[in-house]
Amino acid sequence: MTEANGFSLLTFVLQPAHCTILRDWMGFFDQPPDRLVVHVGQDPAIAKDLTDLAGAFGAELVIAGQTNPAETTENETGLLWQQFDLIGDDLACIVRLDTLPYRQSNRPWQAEAMEAMAQHDALFLTGSTLPFRADTPLPGTDLMRTQRFSNCFAILPAHVWREAQRAQQSDADAFGRFGSEAAVELYCSETGAFGLRLINRPELRVFHCQEWGPRMAEVRATFQAGRGIAPFLKGYQDDFMGARARFYMEKRPPLHRRARILLGRWKRSLLGRAG
């Protein structure tokens, strides 16, 4: 990314506290976005905090409208279309504010990643999870080729996102709230295209925490201190999908609930052996 081509950051800011995470994202980049395009919650304090934040980083603030947690879950694709309609053909960076970024001592990464995208004709850059087994290393870089895409953190040209969504429009309902992500993945699968994955390391990492409430402050502080990150820096995401999903510092169910879960698994295993 150069000053000539800039980029727009797209996200949802539902609570004033989420502006703290957005500030972390602004500081994550070597060159911050020159435009913030956001849907906001109903608290009027959000707009003031965003105005201050945009001013601090020299970014234009565009408030696309109001939203709420239910709409961002059930109509994420529709809200993203509204945001993409506001940025023309800019480069876009989608982030989710239950996803935490960290880079050590302003470690540079952005120019190398964007140069690799251009050199290898990659459609996007993404991150926030472990690599998948199908991902492959990109020689000479800290990146991997991937056809998996996440709205937790992704950089791509606006026209690529639009083209992928239109190509899969008839199948979008089959993937529910993950429709916009699935559209990019299916587009890659059908065309043979791919993106690049930023690999999480102690000095540069992006973790999807799935934490939105007041506990986020505790999770953020622990994450920035680097405590408990090691298990999330090794292995493959394939092993932590669906019911096996795990998130950094997630709250474990109460003991009695864990006991019921274990009992249920034991009963299913008995039934399986009986069958």
Protein backbone atom coordinates (compact mmCIF):
# COMPACT_ATOMS: atom_id res chain seq x y z
CA MET A 1 0.00 0.00 0.00
CA THR A 2 1.32 3.39 -0.87
CA GLU A 3 0.00 6.83 -0.16
CA ALA A 4 -1.22 6.88 -3.76
CA ASN A 5 -3.64 4.01 -3.38
CA GLY A 6 -4.62 4.11 0.34
CA PHE A 7 -7.40 1.93 1.69
CA SER A 8 -10.69 2.03 3.55
CA LEU A 9 -11.34 0.14 6.78
CA LEU A 10 -14.87 -1.31 7.10
CA THR A 11 -16.38 -2.42 10.41
CA PHE A 12 -19.27 -2.27 12.90
CA VAL A 13 -18.89 -0.24 16.11
CA LEU A 14 -21.75 -1.24 18.40
CA GLN A 15 -20.52 0.12 21.75
CA PRO A 16 -18.22 2.99 22.81
CA ALA A 17 -15.79 0.43 24.26
CA HIS A 18 -15.32 -1.05 20.81
CA CYS A 19 -13.52 2.15 19.77
CA THR A 20 -10.57 0.96 21.89
CA ILE A 21 -10.24 -2.15 19.72
CA LEU A 22 -10.63 -0.06 16.58
CA ARG A 23 -7.78 2.17 17.81
CA ASP A 24 -5.65 -0.98 18.15
CA TRP A 25 -6.47 -1.82 14.55
CA MET A 26 -5.49 1.66 13.36
CA GLY A 27 -2.13 1.24 15.07
CA PHE A 28 -1.63 -2.26 13.67
CA PHE A 29 -0.90 -0.96 10.17
CA ASP A 30 2.37 0.58 8.98
CA GLN A 31 0.19 2.99 7.02
CA PRO A 32 -3.26 3.43 8.64
CA PRO A 33 -6.40 3.57 6.50
CA ASP A 34 -7.29 6.92 5.02
CA ARG A 35 -11.02 6.28 5.46
CA LEU A 36 -13.15 4.63 8.15
CA VAL A 37 -16.54 3.35 6.95
CA VAL A 38 -18.64 2.13 9.86
CA HIS A 39 -22.11 1.19 10.97
CA VAL A 40 -22.65 2.25 14.57
CA GLY A 41 -24.79 1.33 17.55
CA GLN A 42 -27.35 3.69 19.05
CA ASP A 43 -25.18 5.22 21.80
CA PRO A 44 -24.41 8.83 20.71
CA ALA A 45 -21.01 8.61 22.41
CA ILE A 46 -19.84 6.29 19.63
CA ALA A 47 -19.92 9.01 16.96
CA LYS A 48 -17.89 11.41 19.12
CA ASP A 49 -15.30 8.75 19.94
CA LEU A 50 -15.03 7.81 16.27
CA THR A 51 -14.59 11.45 15.26
CA ASP A 52 -11.74 11.80 17.74
CA LEU A 53 -10.18 8.53 16.60
CA ALA A 54 -10.36 9.38 12.90
CA GLY A 55 -8.87 12.80 13.59
CA ALA A 56 -5.98 11.29 15.55
CA PHE A 57 -5.01 9.12 12.56
CA GLY A 58 -5.86 11.63 9.83
CA ALA A 59 -8.64 9.44 8.43
CA GLU A 60 -11.95 10.46 6.88
CA LEU A 61 -14.92 9.16 8.89
CA VAL A 62 -17.97 7.87 7.01
CA ILE A 63 -20.88 6.64 9.14
CA ALA A 64 -22.91 4.35 6.92
CA GLY A 65 -25.86 4.14 9.31
CA GLN A 66 -27.03 2.60 12.57
CA THR A 67 -27.20 -1.11 13.31
CA ASN A 68 -27.45 -3.57 16.19
CA PRO A 69 -26.00 -6.98 17.11
CA ALA A 70 -28.90 -8.93 15.60
CA GLU A 71 -28.62 -7.17 12.24
CA THR A 72 -24.85 -7.55 12.04
CA THR A 73 -25.38 -11.29 12.50
CA GLU A 74 -28.43 -11.83 10.31
CA ASN A 75 -27.71 -9.29 7.56
CA GLU A 76 -23.93 -8.90 7.56
CA THR A 77 -23.73 -9.23 3.79
CA GLY A 78 -26.33 -6.50 3.26
CA LEU A 79 -24.49 -4.13 5.59
CA LEU A 80 -21.20 -4.88 3.84
CA TRP A 81 -22.79 -4.04 0.49
CA GLN A 82 -23.76 -0.65 1.94
CA GLN A 83 -20.20 -0.07 3.08
CA PHE A 84 -18.62 -1.19 -0.20
CA ASP A 85 -20.99 1.12 -2.09
CA LEU A 86 -19.37 4.03 -0.23
CA ILE A 87 -15.75 3.35 -1.19
CA GLY A 88 -15.79 3.10 -4.99
CA ASP A 89 -12.95 0.88 -6.20
CA ASP A 90 -10.72 1.45 -3.20
CA LEU A 91 -8.77 -1.27 -1.49
CA ALA A 92 -10.86 -2.42 1.49
CA CYS A 93 -9.91 -3.87 4.86
CA ILE A 94 -12.73 -5.67 6.70
CA VAL A 95 -12.25 -6.18 10.43
CA ARG A 96 -14.42 -7.38 13.29
CA LEU A 97 -13.97 -5.84 16.71
CA ASP A 98 -14.12 -9.15 18.57
CA THR A 99 -10.79 -9.76 16.84
CA LEU A 100 -7.60 -8.40 18.42
CA PRO A 101 -4.46 -7.29 16.54
CA TYR A 102 -0.95 -6.95 17.95
CA ARG A 103 2.43 -6.06 16.52
CA GLN A 104 5.59 -5.74 18.54
CA SER A 105 7.39 -2.36 18.56
CA ASN A 106 5.83 -1.21 15.30
CA ARG A 107 7.19 -4.24 13.45
CA PRO A 108 6.70 -3.60 9.72
CA TRP A 109 4.63 -6.11 7.74
CA GLN A 110 2.24 -4.23 5.49
CA ALA A 111 4.46 -3.35 2.52
CA GLU A 112 5.82 -6.90 2.23
CA ALA A 113 2.34 -8.40 2.36
CA MET A 114 0.92 -6.04 -0.25
CA GLU A 115 3.91 -6.52 -2.54
CA ALA A 116 3.44 -10.30 -2.26
CA MET A 117 -0.25 -9.92 -3.14
CA ALA A 118 0.66 -7.99 -6.28
CA GLN A 119 3.58 -10.22 -7.28
CA HIS A 120 1.63 -13.47 -6.93
CA ASP A 121 -1.75 -12.18 -8.19
CA ALA A 122 -3.39 -13.00 -4.85
CA LEU A 123 -6.96 -11.75 -4.47
CA PHE A 124 -6.80 -10.98 -0.76
CA LEU A 125 -4.87 -11.04 2.49
CA THR A 126 -6.54 -12.60 5.53
CA GLY A 127 -5.75 -13.84 9.03
CA SER A 128 -7.14 -14.41 12.57
CA THR A 129 -6.91 -18.22 12.71
CA LEU A 130 -4.37 -20.99 12.49
CA PRO A 131 -3.53 -22.10 8.94
CA PHE A 132 -5.58 -24.83 7.30
CA ARG A 133 -3.92 -28.02 6.09
CA ALA A 134 -4.64 -27.04 2.50
CA ASP A 135 -2.71 -23.77 2.91
CA THR A 136 0.80 -23.79 1.43
CA PRO A 137 3.87 -21.70 2.31
CA LEU A 138 4.79 -18.79 0.06
CA PRO A 139 8.60 -19.06 -0.33
CA GLY A 140 10.64 -16.13 0.91
CA THR A 141 7.81 -14.69 3.01
CA ASP A 142 5.97 -15.19 6.31
CA LEU A 143 2.76 -15.78 4.34
CA MET A 144 0.82 -18.80 3.07
CA ARG A 145 -1.38 -19.31 0.03
CA THR A 146 -4.97 -19.97 1.06
CA GLN A 147 -8.49 -20.20 -0.31
CA ARG A 148 -10.03 -19.62 3.13
CA PHE A 149 -11.35 -16.15 3.88
CA SER A 150 -12.47 -14.43 7.09
CA ASN A 151 -14.29 -11.17 7.72
CA CYS A 152 -12.46 -10.99 11.05
CA PHE A 153 -9.53 -9.56 9.08
CA ALA A 154 -9.25 -9.34 5.32
CA ILE A 155 -7.78 -6.92 2.79
CA LEU A 156 -8.95 -7.03 -0.83
CA PRO A 157 -9.88 -4.74 -3.72
CA ALA A 158 -13.51 -3.67 -3.59
CA HIS A 159 -14.19 -4.94 -7.12
CA VAL A 160 -12.97 -8.42 -6.16
CA TRP A 161 -15.39 -8.58 -3.23
CA ARG A 162 -18.29 -7.41 -5.39
CA GLU A 163 -17.48 -9.85 -8.18
CA ALA A 164 -17.30 -12.78 -5.74
CA GLN A 165 -20.62 -11.85 -4.12
CA ARG A 166 -22.41 -11.53 -7.46
CA ALA A 167 -20.98 -14.82 -8.72
CA GLN A 168 -22.38 -16.70 -5.72
CA GLN A 169 -25.59 -14.72 -5.20
CA SER A 170 -27.87 -17.69 -5.91
CA ASP A 171 -26.12 -19.84 -3.28
CA ALA A 172 -25.74 -17.21 -0.56
CA ASP A 173 -28.68 -18.39 1.55
CA ALA A 174 -27.15 -21.85 1.91
CA PHE A 175 -24.38 -20.42 4.10
CA GLY A 176 -26.53 -18.19 6.31
CA ARG A 177 -24.62 -15.46 8.10
CA PHE A 178 -21.34 -16.74 6.64
CA GLY A 179 -22.57 -16.08 3.10
CA SER A 180 -20.20 -13.24 2.22
CA GLU A 181 -17.15 -15.21 3.39
CA ALA A 182 -18.32 -18.36 1.61
CA ALA A 183 -18.81 -16.37 -1.60
CA VAL A 184 -15.13 -15.43 -1.70
CA GLU A 185 -14.03 -19.00 -0.90
CA LEU A 186 -16.31 -20.52 -3.57
CA TYR A 187 -15.13 -17.92 -6.08
CA CYS A 188 -11.54 -18.99 -5.41
CA SER A 189 -12.43 -22.67 -5.65
CA GLU A 190 -14.21 -22.23 -8.98
CA THR A 191 -11.62 -19.95 -10.59
CA GLY A 192 -8.44 -21.38 -9.08
CA ALA A 193 -7.65 -18.04 -7.48
CA PHE A 194 -6.19 -17.74 -4.00
CA GLY A 195 -5.34 -15.27 -1.28
CA LEU A 196 -2.55 -14.97 1.27
CA ARG A 197 -2.63 -15.74 4.98
CA LEU A 198 -0.74 -13.67 7.54
CA ILE A 199 0.68 -16.26 9.94
CA ASN A 200 0.27 -15.56 13.65
CA ARG A 201 3.56 -15.23 15.51
CA PRO A 202 4.44 -13.88 18.97
CA GLU A 203 5.53 -10.54 17.49
CA LEU A 204 2.67 -10.17 14.98
CA ARG A 205 -0.71 -11.75 15.59
CA VAL A 206 -4.45 -11.44 15.04
CA PHE A 207 -6.76 -13.50 17.28
CA HIS A 208 -10.50 -13.95 16.89
CA CYS A 209 -11.71 -13.95 20.50
CA GLN A 210 -15.49 -13.83 20.01
CA GLU A 211 -15.81 -11.53 23.02
CA TRP A 212 -17.93 -8.37 22.75
CA GLY A 213 -18.88 -7.41 26.31
CA PRO A 214 -17.13 -5.81 29.30
CA ARG A 215 -14.79 -8.80 29.61
CA MET A 216 -13.09 -7.66 26.40
CA ALA A 217 -10.91 -5.21 28.39
CA GLU A 218 -9.45 -8.11 30.39
CA VAL A 219 -8.99 -10.26 27.28
CA ARG A 220 -7.29 -7.39 25.43
CA ALA A 221 -4.85 -6.66 28.26
CA THR A 222 -3.88 -10.33 28.55
CA PHE A 223 -3.52 -10.66 24.78
CA GLN A 224 -1.29 -7.60 24.51
CA ALA A 225 0.90 -8.96 27.33
CA GLY A 226 1.30 -12.19 25.35
CA ARG A 227 -0.02 -14.44 28.08
CA GLY A 228 -1.61 -17.73 27.05
CA ILE A 229 -1.02 -17.25 23.33
CA ALA A 230 1.22 -20.28 22.68
CA PRO A 231 -1.60 -22.83 22.06
CA PHE A 232 -3.02 -20.53 19.37
CA LEU A 233 0.25 -20.32 17.44
CA LYS A 234 0.59 -23.99 16.49
CA GLY A 235 -1.49 -26.63 14.77
CA TYR A 236 -4.18 -26.43 12.10
CA GLN A 237 -7.54 -24.71 12.14
CA ASP A 238 -9.12 -27.84 10.61
CA ASP A 239 -8.87 -29.44 14.06
CA PHE A 240 -10.87 -26.67 15.73
CA MET A 241 -13.99 -26.31 13.60
CA GLY A 242 -17.67 -26.51 14.54
CA ALA A 243 -18.24 -28.01 17.98
CA ARG A 244 -14.47 -28.17 18.48
CA ALA A 245 -14.00 -24.43 17.97
CA ARG A 246 -11.92 -22.64 20.58
CA PHE A 247 -11.21 -18.98 21.22
CA TYR A 248 -8.51 -17.16 23.14
CA MET A 249 -9.46 -16.81 26.83
CA GLU A 250 -12.95 -18.16 26.22
CA LYS A 251 -14.95 -18.75 29.39
CA ARG A 252 -15.36 -22.43 30.12
CA PRO A 253 -18.87 -23.70 30.85
CA PRO A 254 -19.74 -24.29 34.53
CA LEU A 255 -18.57 -27.59 36.01
CA HIS A 256 -22.06 -29.13 36.01
CA ARG A 257 -22.51 -28.26 32.33
CA ARG A 258 -19.11 -29.71 31.43
CA ALA A 259 -20.10 -32.89 33.29
CA ARG A 260 -23.31 -33.15 31.24
CA ILE A 261 -21.35 -32.63 28.02
CA LEU A 262 -18.88 -35.37 28.93
CA LEU A 263 -21.73 -37.69 29.94
CA GLY A 264 -23.46 -37.06 26.63
CA ARG A 265 -20.28 -37.83 24.69
CA TRP A 266 -19.80 -41.04 26.68
CA LYS A 267 -23.38 -42.15 25.95
CA ARG A 268 -22.94 -41.41 22.24
CA SER A 269 -19.74 -43.43 22.20
CA LEU A 270 -21.57 -46.37 23.79
CA LEU A 271 -24.34 -46.13 21.21
CA GLY A 272 -21.75 -46.00 18.47
CA ARG A 273 -20.05 -49.15 19.70
CA ALA A 274 -23.43 -50.88 20.09
CA GLY A 275 -24.34 -50.01 16.51
